[in-house]
N, C-alpha and C. Protein backbone atom coordinates (compact mmCIF):
# COMPACT_ATOMS: atom_id res chain seq x y z
N MET A 1 0.84 -1.18 0.00
CA MET A 1 0.00 0.00 0.00
C MET A 1 0.89 1.25 0.00
N ILE A 2 0.43 2.25 -0.70
CA ILE A 2 1.14 3.54 -0.74
C ILE A 2 0.17 4.64 -0.31
N LYS A 3 0.64 5.52 0.54
CA LYS A 3 -0.17 6.67 0.97
C LYS A 3 0.67 7.93 0.75
N ILE A 4 0.05 8.93 0.14
CA ILE A 4 0.69 10.22 -0.11
C ILE A 4 -0.02 11.29 0.73
N LYS A 5 0.77 12.14 1.36
CA LYS A 5 0.20 13.23 2.18
C LYS A 5 1.11 14.45 2.05
N TYR A 6 0.51 15.63 1.95
CA TYR A 6 1.26 16.88 1.87
C TYR A 6 1.18 17.62 3.20
N LEU A 7 2.30 18.18 3.61
CA LEU A 7 2.35 19.05 4.77
C LEU A 7 2.60 20.47 4.28
N GLU A 8 1.92 21.44 4.86
CA GLU A 8 2.06 22.84 4.43
C GLU A 8 2.59 23.70 5.57
N PHE A 9 3.38 24.70 5.19
CA PHE A 9 4.03 25.59 6.16
C PHE A 9 3.95 27.02 5.65
N GLU A 10 3.94 27.96 6.57
CA GLU A 10 4.03 29.37 6.21
C GLU A 10 5.27 29.96 6.86
N THR A 11 6.05 30.69 6.06
CA THR A 11 7.23 31.35 6.59
C THR A 11 6.98 32.86 6.64
N LYS A 12 7.77 33.52 7.44
CA LYS A 12 7.65 34.97 7.58
C LYS A 12 9.00 35.61 7.28
N PHE A 13 8.95 36.79 6.76
CA PHE A 13 10.14 37.60 6.50
C PHE A 13 10.64 38.12 7.84
N PRO A 14 11.87 38.26 8.14
CA PRO A 14 13.08 37.93 7.39
C PRO A 14 13.94 36.87 8.09
N LYS A 15 13.47 35.64 8.21
CA LYS A 15 14.30 34.65 8.88
C LYS A 15 14.20 33.29 8.22
N ILE A 16 15.22 32.51 8.42
CA ILE A 16 15.21 31.11 8.01
C ILE A 16 14.27 30.37 8.95
N HIS A 17 13.44 29.50 8.39
CA HIS A 17 12.45 28.80 9.20
C HIS A 17 12.75 27.31 9.26
N PHE A 18 12.75 26.78 10.47
CA PHE A 18 12.89 25.35 10.73
C PHE A 18 11.57 24.85 11.30
N PHE A 19 11.10 23.72 10.80
CA PHE A 19 9.87 23.11 11.29
C PHE A 19 10.18 21.68 11.70
N ASN A 20 9.94 21.35 12.96
CA ASN A 20 10.08 19.97 13.42
C ASN A 20 8.80 19.25 13.00
N ILE A 21 8.92 18.33 12.04
CA ILE A 21 7.74 17.69 11.46
C ILE A 21 7.58 16.24 11.93
N THR A 22 8.35 15.85 12.92
CA THR A 22 8.32 14.46 13.40
C THR A 22 6.91 14.06 13.84
N ASP A 23 6.28 14.85 14.67
CA ASP A 23 4.94 14.50 15.18
C ASP A 23 3.92 14.39 14.05
N LYS A 24 3.99 15.30 13.08
CA LYS A 24 3.06 15.25 11.95
C LYS A 24 3.25 13.97 11.14
N ILE A 25 4.52 13.58 10.94
CA ILE A 25 4.80 12.35 10.20
C ILE A 25 4.27 11.15 10.96
N GLU A 26 4.46 11.13 12.27
CA GLU A 26 3.95 10.02 13.09
C GLU A 26 2.42 9.94 13.01
N GLU A 27 1.74 11.08 12.97
CA GLU A 27 0.28 11.09 12.83
C GLU A 27 -0.14 10.48 11.50
N VAL A 28 0.54 10.86 10.42
CA VAL A 28 0.20 10.35 9.10
C VAL A 28 0.45 8.84 9.04
N ILE A 29 1.54 8.38 9.63
CA ILE A 29 1.82 6.95 9.67
C ILE A 29 0.71 6.22 10.42
N SER A 30 0.30 6.76 11.55
CA SER A 30 -0.77 6.15 12.35
C SER A 30 -2.08 6.07 11.56
N GLU A 31 -2.42 7.15 10.86
CA GLU A 31 -3.65 7.19 10.07
C GLU A 31 -3.59 6.25 8.87
N SER A 32 -2.39 5.94 8.39
CA SER A 32 -2.23 5.14 7.18
C SER A 32 -2.49 3.65 7.39
N SER A 33 -2.42 3.19 8.61
CA SER A 33 -2.54 1.76 8.95
C SER A 33 -1.38 0.92 8.42
N ILE A 34 -0.33 1.56 7.93
CA ILE A 34 0.85 0.82 7.48
C ILE A 34 1.70 0.51 8.70
N LYS A 35 2.01 -0.76 8.88
CA LYS A 35 2.76 -1.20 10.07
C LYS A 35 4.26 -1.34 9.79
N ASN A 36 4.60 -1.77 8.59
CA ASN A 36 6.01 -2.00 8.24
C ASN A 36 6.28 -1.46 6.85
N GLY A 37 7.31 -0.65 6.73
CA GLY A 37 7.64 -0.07 5.43
C GLY A 37 8.58 1.11 5.59
N THR A 38 8.40 2.09 4.73
CA THR A 38 9.23 3.29 4.77
C THR A 38 8.36 4.52 4.54
N VAL A 39 8.88 5.64 5.00
CA VAL A 39 8.28 6.93 4.69
C VAL A 39 9.38 7.82 4.13
N THR A 40 9.12 8.38 2.97
CA THR A 40 10.04 9.34 2.36
C THR A 40 9.43 10.73 2.53
N VAL A 41 10.25 11.66 2.95
CA VAL A 41 9.84 13.05 3.14
C VAL A 41 10.61 13.88 2.13
N GLN A 42 9.91 14.59 1.25
CA GLN A 42 10.57 15.34 0.18
C GLN A 42 10.06 16.77 0.10
N SER A 43 10.97 17.70 -0.01
CA SER A 43 10.63 19.10 -0.23
C SER A 43 10.15 19.29 -1.66
N LEU A 44 9.23 20.21 -1.85
CA LEU A 44 8.78 20.56 -3.19
C LEU A 44 9.38 21.88 -3.66
N HIS A 45 10.37 22.39 -2.93
CA HIS A 45 10.93 23.70 -3.24
C HIS A 45 12.45 23.63 -3.24
N THR A 46 13.06 24.38 -4.14
CA THR A 46 14.51 24.31 -4.31
C THR A 46 15.30 25.13 -3.30
N THR A 47 14.64 25.87 -2.44
CA THR A 47 15.35 26.56 -1.35
C THR A 47 15.05 25.90 0.00
N CYS A 48 14.40 24.77 -0.03
CA CYS A 48 14.03 24.05 1.20
C CYS A 48 14.75 22.70 1.25
N ALA A 49 14.94 22.21 2.46
CA ALA A 49 15.61 20.93 2.66
C ALA A 49 14.92 20.14 3.76
N VAL A 50 15.21 18.85 3.79
CA VAL A 50 14.72 17.94 4.82
C VAL A 50 15.95 17.29 5.43
N PHE A 51 16.00 17.25 6.76
CA PHE A 51 17.15 16.59 7.39
C PHE A 51 16.77 15.97 8.72
N PHE A 52 17.65 15.11 9.21
CA PHE A 52 17.45 14.34 10.44
C PHE A 52 18.48 14.80 11.45
N GLU A 53 18.01 15.25 12.61
CA GLU A 53 18.92 15.79 13.62
C GLU A 53 18.26 15.68 14.99
N GLU A 54 19.06 15.80 16.00
CA GLU A 54 18.57 15.78 17.37
C GLU A 54 17.85 17.09 17.68
N TYR A 55 16.78 17.00 18.46
CA TYR A 55 16.16 18.19 19.02
C TYR A 55 16.85 18.44 20.35
N VAL A 56 17.46 19.62 20.52
CA VAL A 56 18.34 19.84 21.67
C VAL A 56 17.70 20.62 22.82
N HIS A 57 16.45 21.04 22.67
CA HIS A 57 15.69 21.69 23.74
C HIS A 57 16.08 23.13 24.04
N ASP A 58 17.31 23.53 23.81
CA ASP A 58 17.74 24.90 24.08
C ASP A 58 17.51 25.75 22.84
N GLU A 59 16.93 26.94 23.04
CA GLU A 59 16.61 27.82 21.92
C GLU A 59 17.07 29.24 22.19
N ASP A 60 17.35 29.96 21.09
CA ASP A 60 17.64 31.38 21.21
C ASP A 60 16.31 32.15 21.28
N PRO A 61 16.35 33.47 21.46
CA PRO A 61 15.11 34.25 21.57
C PRO A 61 14.20 34.18 20.34
N VAL A 62 14.76 33.87 19.17
CA VAL A 62 13.97 33.79 17.94
C VAL A 62 13.28 32.43 17.82
N GLY A 63 13.74 31.44 18.59
CA GLY A 63 13.13 30.12 18.54
C GLY A 63 13.94 29.07 17.82
N HIS A 64 15.15 29.41 17.39
CA HIS A 64 16.02 28.41 16.77
C HIS A 64 16.72 27.62 17.86
N ASP A 65 16.72 26.29 17.70
CA ASP A 65 17.48 25.53 18.69
C ASP A 65 18.97 25.65 18.37
N TYR A 66 19.78 25.32 19.36
CA TYR A 66 21.22 25.59 19.24
C TYR A 66 21.88 24.88 18.06
N LEU A 67 21.44 23.66 17.72
CA LEU A 67 22.02 23.00 16.55
C LEU A 67 21.65 23.73 15.26
N GLN A 68 20.45 24.29 15.21
CA GLN A 68 20.06 25.07 14.03
C GLN A 68 20.92 26.32 13.90
N ILE A 69 21.21 26.96 15.02
CA ILE A 69 22.08 28.13 15.00
C ILE A 69 23.46 27.74 14.48
N ASP A 70 24.00 26.65 15.01
CA ASP A 70 25.31 26.18 14.57
C ASP A 70 25.30 25.80 13.09
N LEU A 71 24.23 25.14 12.64
CA LEU A 71 24.11 24.79 11.23
C LEU A 71 24.09 26.05 10.37
N ASN A 72 23.28 27.03 10.75
CA ASN A 72 23.21 28.28 9.99
C ASN A 72 24.57 28.98 9.92
N GLN A 73 25.28 29.02 11.05
CA GLN A 73 26.59 29.67 11.07
C GLN A 73 27.58 28.94 10.16
N GLY A 74 27.57 27.62 10.21
CA GLY A 74 28.47 26.85 9.36
C GLY A 74 28.15 27.03 7.88
N LEU A 75 26.86 26.97 7.53
CA LEU A 75 26.47 27.13 6.13
C LEU A 75 26.75 28.55 5.63
N ARG A 76 26.62 29.54 6.51
CA ARG A 76 26.90 30.92 6.11
C ARG A 76 28.39 31.10 5.79
N LYS A 77 29.26 30.33 6.44
CA LYS A 77 30.70 30.39 6.11
C LYS A 77 30.95 29.85 4.71
N ILE A 78 30.19 28.82 4.33
CA ILE A 78 30.34 28.24 2.99
C ILE A 78 29.65 29.11 1.95
N PHE A 79 28.43 29.53 2.26
CA PHE A 79 27.62 30.34 1.34
C PHE A 79 27.19 31.63 2.05
N PRO A 80 28.02 32.68 1.98
CA PRO A 80 27.67 33.95 2.64
C PRO A 80 26.38 34.54 2.08
N ASP A 81 25.75 35.40 2.86
CA ASP A 81 24.53 36.07 2.40
C ASP A 81 24.80 36.81 1.10
N GLN A 82 23.79 36.86 0.26
CA GLN A 82 23.85 37.58 -1.01
C GLN A 82 23.14 38.91 -0.81
N VAL A 83 23.91 39.99 -0.86
CA VAL A 83 23.32 41.30 -0.57
C VAL A 83 23.12 42.17 -1.80
N GLU A 84 23.75 41.81 -2.90
CA GLU A 84 23.53 42.54 -4.15
C GLU A 84 23.87 41.62 -5.30
N PHE A 85 23.43 42.02 -6.50
CA PHE A 85 23.70 41.20 -7.67
C PHE A 85 25.19 41.15 -7.96
N ASN A 86 25.63 39.97 -8.35
CA ASN A 86 27.02 39.74 -8.77
C ASN A 86 28.03 40.04 -7.68
N ASP A 87 27.66 39.90 -6.40
CA ASP A 87 28.66 40.11 -5.35
C ASP A 87 29.56 38.88 -5.23
N ASN A 88 29.03 37.76 -4.77
CA ASN A 88 29.81 36.52 -4.71
C ASN A 88 29.21 35.43 -5.58
N TYR A 89 28.10 35.72 -6.24
CA TYR A 89 27.34 34.69 -6.95
C TYR A 89 27.02 35.12 -8.37
N PHE A 90 26.95 34.15 -9.28
CA PHE A 90 26.48 34.40 -10.63
C PHE A 90 24.95 34.47 -10.67
N TYR A 91 24.30 33.71 -9.82
CA TYR A 91 22.84 33.62 -9.78
C TYR A 91 22.26 34.84 -9.08
N PRO A 92 21.14 35.37 -9.52
CA PRO A 92 20.39 35.00 -10.72
C PRO A 92 20.94 35.74 -11.94
N GLY A 93 21.05 35.04 -13.01
CA GLY A 93 21.56 35.63 -14.24
C GLY A 93 20.46 36.30 -15.04
N PRO A 94 20.83 36.97 -16.13
CA PRO A 94 19.85 37.74 -16.91
C PRO A 94 18.76 36.87 -17.53
N LYS A 95 19.08 35.66 -17.95
CA LYS A 95 18.04 34.79 -18.54
C LYS A 95 17.02 34.38 -17.47
N HIS A 96 17.51 34.08 -16.28
CA HIS A 96 16.59 33.70 -15.21
C HIS A 96 15.68 34.87 -14.82
N LEU A 97 16.24 36.06 -14.78
CA LEU A 97 15.44 37.24 -14.45
C LEU A 97 14.36 37.51 -15.49
N ASN A 98 14.58 37.04 -16.72
CA ASN A 98 13.65 37.30 -17.81
C ASN A 98 12.60 36.20 -17.96
N ILE A 99 12.66 35.15 -17.13
CA ILE A 99 11.66 34.08 -17.21
C ILE A 99 10.28 34.68 -17.02
N GLY A 100 9.34 34.22 -17.80
CA GLY A 100 7.97 34.72 -17.67
C GLY A 100 7.83 36.15 -18.16
N GLY A 101 8.58 36.50 -19.19
CA GLY A 101 8.47 37.84 -19.75
C GLY A 101 9.03 38.92 -18.86
N GLY A 102 10.02 38.55 -18.06
CA GLY A 102 10.67 39.53 -17.20
C GLY A 102 9.97 39.75 -15.87
N GLN A 103 9.10 38.82 -15.48
CA GLN A 103 8.34 39.01 -14.23
C GLN A 103 9.23 39.15 -13.01
N HIS A 104 10.45 38.59 -13.06
CA HIS A 104 11.34 38.68 -11.91
C HIS A 104 12.06 40.02 -11.81
N VAL A 105 12.14 40.77 -12.89
CA VAL A 105 12.94 41.99 -12.89
C VAL A 105 12.48 42.97 -11.81
N GLU A 106 11.17 43.11 -11.64
CA GLU A 106 10.69 44.06 -10.63
C GLU A 106 10.93 43.58 -9.21
N PHE A 107 11.27 42.30 -9.05
CA PHE A 107 11.51 41.74 -7.72
C PHE A 107 12.98 41.42 -7.50
N GLN A 108 13.86 42.10 -8.19
CA GLN A 108 15.28 41.75 -8.12
C GLN A 108 15.81 41.72 -6.69
N GLY A 109 15.39 42.64 -5.87
CA GLY A 109 15.91 42.68 -4.51
C GLY A 109 15.51 41.50 -3.66
N ILE A 110 14.40 40.85 -4.01
CA ILE A 110 13.95 39.74 -3.18
C ILE A 110 14.32 38.38 -3.75
N ILE A 111 14.92 38.34 -4.92
CA ILE A 111 15.34 37.03 -5.41
C ILE A 111 16.84 36.82 -5.26
N LEU A 112 17.45 37.58 -4.42
CA LEU A 112 18.86 37.35 -4.11
C LEU A 112 18.93 36.18 -3.12
N ASN A 113 18.54 35.02 -3.62
CA ASN A 113 18.45 33.85 -2.76
C ASN A 113 19.34 32.71 -3.24
N GLY A 114 20.40 33.05 -3.96
CA GLY A 114 21.35 32.03 -4.41
C GLY A 114 21.87 31.18 -3.26
N PRO A 115 22.27 31.77 -2.13
CA PRO A 115 22.74 30.96 -1.02
C PRO A 115 21.68 29.99 -0.50
N ALA A 116 20.42 30.38 -0.52
CA ALA A 116 19.35 29.48 -0.06
C ALA A 116 19.27 28.24 -0.95
N HIS A 117 19.40 28.44 -2.26
CA HIS A 117 19.41 27.30 -3.18
C HIS A 117 20.60 26.39 -2.90
N LEU A 118 21.76 26.97 -2.71
CA LEU A 118 22.97 26.17 -2.50
C LEU A 118 22.94 25.44 -1.16
N LYS A 119 22.44 26.08 -0.13
CA LYS A 119 22.33 25.42 1.18
C LYS A 119 21.40 24.22 1.11
N SER A 120 20.26 24.39 0.46
CA SER A 120 19.31 23.28 0.37
C SER A 120 19.86 22.16 -0.51
N THR A 121 20.64 22.51 -1.53
CA THR A 121 21.29 21.48 -2.34
C THR A 121 22.25 20.67 -1.49
N LEU A 122 23.01 21.34 -0.66
CA LEU A 122 23.99 20.67 0.19
C LEU A 122 23.31 19.77 1.23
N ILE A 123 22.26 20.25 1.86
CA ILE A 123 21.56 19.47 2.89
C ILE A 123 20.74 18.35 2.27
N GLY A 124 20.04 18.62 1.20
CA GLY A 124 19.27 17.60 0.50
C GLY A 124 17.77 17.84 0.58
N ALA A 125 17.08 17.38 -0.44
CA ALA A 125 15.65 17.62 -0.57
C ALA A 125 14.80 16.54 0.07
N SER A 126 15.40 15.40 0.45
CA SER A 126 14.57 14.31 0.98
C SER A 126 15.34 13.43 1.95
N GLU A 127 14.56 12.70 2.74
CA GLU A 127 15.08 11.68 3.66
C GLU A 127 14.07 10.54 3.68
N THR A 128 14.57 9.32 3.89
CA THR A 128 13.71 8.15 4.00
C THR A 128 13.94 7.48 5.34
N PHE A 129 12.84 7.07 5.98
CA PHE A 129 12.90 6.46 7.31
C PHE A 129 12.13 5.15 7.32
N VAL A 130 12.55 4.25 8.19
CA VAL A 130 11.91 2.95 8.34
C VAL A 130 10.72 3.07 9.30
N ILE A 131 9.67 2.33 8.98
CA ILE A 131 8.53 2.16 9.88
C ILE A 131 8.54 0.69 10.30
N ASP A 132 8.62 0.43 11.59
CA ASP A 132 8.66 -0.93 12.11
C ASP A 132 7.55 -1.09 13.15
N GLU A 133 6.62 -1.99 12.86
CA GLU A 133 5.47 -2.21 13.76
C GLU A 133 4.72 -0.91 14.04
N GLY A 134 4.60 -0.07 13.01
CA GLY A 134 3.85 1.17 13.12
C GLY A 134 4.60 2.32 13.76
N VAL A 135 5.88 2.10 14.09
CA VAL A 135 6.67 3.12 14.79
C VAL A 135 7.74 3.69 13.86
N LEU A 136 7.76 5.00 13.73
CA LEU A 136 8.78 5.70 12.96
C LEU A 136 10.12 5.53 13.65
N GLN A 137 11.11 5.03 12.94
CA GLN A 137 12.40 4.70 13.54
C GLN A 137 13.35 5.90 13.46
N THR A 138 13.30 6.70 14.52
CA THR A 138 14.19 7.87 14.61
C THR A 138 15.08 7.81 15.84
N GLY A 139 15.00 6.73 16.60
CA GLY A 139 15.79 6.65 17.82
C GLY A 139 15.18 7.53 18.90
N PRO A 140 15.79 7.54 20.08
CA PRO A 140 15.19 8.26 21.21
C PRO A 140 15.26 9.79 21.10
N TYR A 141 16.19 10.33 20.33
CA TYR A 141 16.38 11.78 20.30
C TYR A 141 16.24 12.39 18.91
N GLY A 142 16.05 11.57 17.89
CA GLY A 142 16.02 12.07 16.53
C GLY A 142 14.74 12.80 16.17
N SER A 143 14.88 13.86 15.41
CA SER A 143 13.75 14.63 14.89
C SER A 143 13.96 14.86 13.39
N ILE A 144 12.86 14.97 12.69
CA ILE A 144 12.88 15.23 11.25
C ILE A 144 12.50 16.70 11.06
N TRP A 145 13.33 17.40 10.33
CA TRP A 145 13.17 18.85 10.17
C TRP A 145 12.95 19.21 8.70
N PHE A 146 12.08 20.16 8.47
CA PHE A 146 11.89 20.82 7.18
C PHE A 146 12.38 22.24 7.37
N VAL A 147 13.25 22.71 6.48
CA VAL A 147 13.80 24.06 6.62
C VAL A 147 13.65 24.81 5.30
N ASP A 148 13.30 26.08 5.41
CA ASP A 148 13.31 26.98 4.25
C ASP A 148 14.42 27.99 4.48
N PHE A 149 15.46 27.91 3.66
CA PHE A 149 16.61 28.81 3.79
C PHE A 149 16.37 30.17 3.14
N ASP A 150 15.28 30.33 2.39
CA ASP A 150 15.00 31.60 1.71
C ASP A 150 14.23 32.52 2.65
N TYR A 151 14.91 33.51 3.15
CA TYR A 151 14.31 34.42 4.14
C TYR A 151 13.90 35.76 3.53
N ASN A 152 13.90 35.88 2.21
CA ASN A 152 13.68 37.17 1.56
C ASN A 152 12.24 37.64 1.53
N ARG A 153 11.29 36.74 1.72
CA ARG A 153 9.88 37.13 1.72
C ARG A 153 9.05 35.99 2.33
N PRO A 154 7.84 36.30 2.78
CA PRO A 154 6.97 35.25 3.33
C PRO A 154 6.58 34.28 2.23
N ARG A 155 6.47 33.02 2.59
CA ARG A 155 6.14 32.00 1.59
C ARG A 155 5.20 30.96 2.15
N LYS A 156 4.49 30.28 1.27
CA LYS A 156 3.76 29.06 1.61
C LYS A 156 4.58 27.92 1.02
N ARG A 157 4.91 26.96 1.86
CA ARG A 157 5.80 25.86 1.46
C ARG A 157 5.13 24.52 1.72
N LYS A 158 5.59 23.51 0.97
CA LYS A 158 5.04 22.16 1.12
C LYS A 158 6.16 21.13 1.08
N CYS A 159 5.89 20.04 1.78
CA CYS A 159 6.67 18.83 1.55
C CYS A 159 5.68 17.69 1.39
N VAL A 160 6.13 16.63 0.75
CA VAL A 160 5.26 15.49 0.50
C VAL A 160 5.81 14.28 1.26
N LEU A 161 4.90 13.52 1.86
CA LEU A 161 5.24 12.26 2.51
C LEU A 161 4.74 11.14 1.62
N CYS A 162 5.58 10.15 1.38
CA CYS A 162 5.19 8.95 0.65
C CYS A 162 5.45 7.76 1.56
N ILE A 163 4.37 7.17 2.06
CA ILE A 163 4.48 6.01 2.94
C ILE A 163 4.22 4.77 2.10
N ASN A 164 5.17 3.85 2.15
CA ASN A 164 5.11 2.65 1.32
C ASN A 164 5.30 1.44 2.23
N GLY A 165 4.35 0.54 2.24
CA GLY A 165 4.50 -0.64 3.08
C GLY A 165 3.22 -1.44 3.18
N GLU A 166 3.18 -2.25 4.22
CA GLU A 166 2.01 -3.12 4.41
C GLU A 166 1.52 -3.08 5.84
């Protein structure tokens, strides 16, 4: 049996958003009646990623847990913020800005999201987990996270769950 379910998220300007989706995935598994199999979690957006990490309980005033802060700092060293066109990045180029008859040209300041694309490429768009006897196998401390690295404007985001098993 295969079950497909979409999860939706809303982000706000101007911050990177992390969503702990472990509980939602466990709910979908429970509703699916699948006892043994796998669940794949995939982002539908090129500036978003899915990853598996510990939830560490300590948070900064904005609500990021300490591992998320460390992850952001490390990724920023690899891919610094893009503050103007052609500073450290080729993206977005003139052909991309002209997609859709130039619809992006008026939004040039908000599509300086090259680093968000690169960060999500590095982290990855999907993860697959085992379901054993109806239980999502994440260990005692593991959490599944959906992150949107594009902080330039508010967005509606989705990921898809594909549960496959019996």
